[in-house]
Amino acid sequence: MLAWMNWTLPVAIFFAVIAAILLVMTVYEVVSPCSERKGFLPIATTRGDRLFIGLLTSAYIHLAWLGLTELSLYIALAVSVIWLAVLLRWG
């Protein structure tokens, strides 16, 4: 049924991490509801908004990395994790 997908270990880890992040954020929201706030982003956002923006921009970072450099994707991963942490904290 899913033979068309290339289910490798990195792909499985990627989807498992995204699912875990969503689960943790859902539990965190239930335990400690948040309100919108304005950080360095030009709009008022909630934690979920900042997570979505962070995941989307991380995908763009990886795509740009693949298109513009021959360096390891682990560097792009580190840049994305740092960006996501900064965005979630101060965005």
Protein backbone atom coordinates (compact mmCIF):
# COMPACT_ATOMS: atom_id res chain seq x y z
CA MET A 1 0.00 0.00 0.00
CA LEU A 2 2.80 2.43 0.86
CA ALA A 3 5.36 0.97 -1.53
CA TRP A 4 5.59 4.26 -3.44
CA MET A 5 7.14 5.95 -0.37
CA ASN A 6 10.83 5.63 0.36
CA TRP A 7 10.53 4.83 4.08
CA THR A 8 14.10 5.05 5.29
CA LEU A 9 15.23 5.56 8.86
CA PRO A 10 15.87 9.33 8.42
CA VAL A 11 12.37 9.79 6.96
CA ALA A 12 10.82 7.84 9.83
CA ILE A 13 12.79 9.88 12.38
CA PHE A 14 11.73 13.13 10.70
CA PHE A 15 8.03 12.30 10.88
CA ALA A 16 8.35 10.91 14.42
CA VAL A 17 10.03 14.12 15.60
CA ILE A 18 7.33 16.30 13.98
CA ALA A 19 4.61 14.14 15.59
CA ALA A 20 6.36 14.37 18.99
CA ILE A 21 6.68 18.16 18.70
CA LEU A 22 2.97 18.47 17.91
CA LEU A 23 2.05 16.17 20.80
CA VAL A 24 4.22 18.08 23.28
CA MET A 25 2.88 21.44 22.10
CA THR A 26 -0.72 20.16 22.41
CA VAL A 27 -0.16 18.94 25.97
CA TYR A 28 1.66 22.19 26.84
CA GLU A 29 -1.26 24.24 25.48
CA VAL A 30 -3.78 22.23 27.51
CA VAL A 31 -1.72 22.53 30.69
CA SER A 32 -0.72 26.16 30.19
CA PRO A 33 -2.92 28.06 27.71
CA CYS A 34 -1.17 30.95 26.03
CA SER A 35 -2.31 34.30 24.76
CA GLU A 36 -1.10 36.19 21.73
CA ARG A 37 2.02 38.31 22.16
CA LYS A 38 4.16 40.46 19.95
CA GLY A 39 7.87 39.77 19.74
CA PHE A 40 10.25 40.63 16.92
CA LEU A 41 7.76 39.30 14.35
CA PRO A 42 5.56 42.05 12.91
CA ILE A 43 2.37 40.27 14.04
CA ALA A 44 0.94 39.04 17.32
CA THR A 45 1.42 35.26 17.53
CA THR A 46 0.69 32.30 19.78
CA ARG A 47 3.08 29.42 20.46
CA GLY A 48 1.41 27.37 17.74
CA ASP A 49 1.77 30.20 15.23
CA ARG A 50 5.47 30.54 16.01
CA LEU A 51 5.95 26.76 15.75
CA PHE A 52 4.27 26.71 12.33
CA ILE A 53 6.32 29.69 11.09
CA GLY A 54 9.49 28.07 12.46
CA LEU A 55 8.84 24.71 10.77
CA LEU A 56 7.99 26.41 7.48
CA THR A 57 11.11 28.60 7.51
CA SER A 58 13.22 25.60 8.49
CA ALA A 59 12.02 23.86 5.34
CA TYR A 60 13.04 26.93 3.33
CA ILE A 61 16.44 26.99 5.03
CA HIS A 62 17.00 23.35 4.00
CA LEU A 63 15.84 23.95 0.43
CA ALA A 64 18.09 27.00 0.08
CA TRP A 65 20.97 25.03 1.60
CA LEU A 66 20.51 22.23 -0.93
CA GLY A 67 20.33 24.68 -3.81
CA LEU A 68 23.15 27.03 -2.86
CA THR A 69 25.85 24.94 -1.19
CA GLU A 70 27.50 21.54 -1.22
CA LEU A 71 28.02 21.51 2.55
CA SER A 72 26.46 18.91 4.83
CA LEU A 73 22.76 19.16 5.64
CA TYR A 74 23.67 18.73 9.30
CA ILE A 75 24.79 22.36 9.26
CA ALA A 76 21.41 23.38 7.86
CA LEU A 77 19.78 21.30 10.59
CA ALA A 78 21.79 23.13 13.26
CA VAL A 79 20.88 26.51 11.75
CA SER A 80 17.21 25.47 11.65
CA VAL A 81 17.17 24.28 15.26
CA ILE A 82 18.79 27.51 16.44
CA TRP A 83 16.34 29.56 14.34
CA LEU A 84 13.36 27.61 15.74
CA ALA A 85 14.58 28.11 19.31
CA VAL A 86 15.04 31.86 18.78
CA LEU A 87 11.66 32.16 17.09
CA LEU A 88 9.82 30.26 19.80
CA ARG A 89 11.49 32.26 22.56
CA TRP A 90 11.55 35.81 21.21
CA GLY A 91 9.40 35.73 18.06
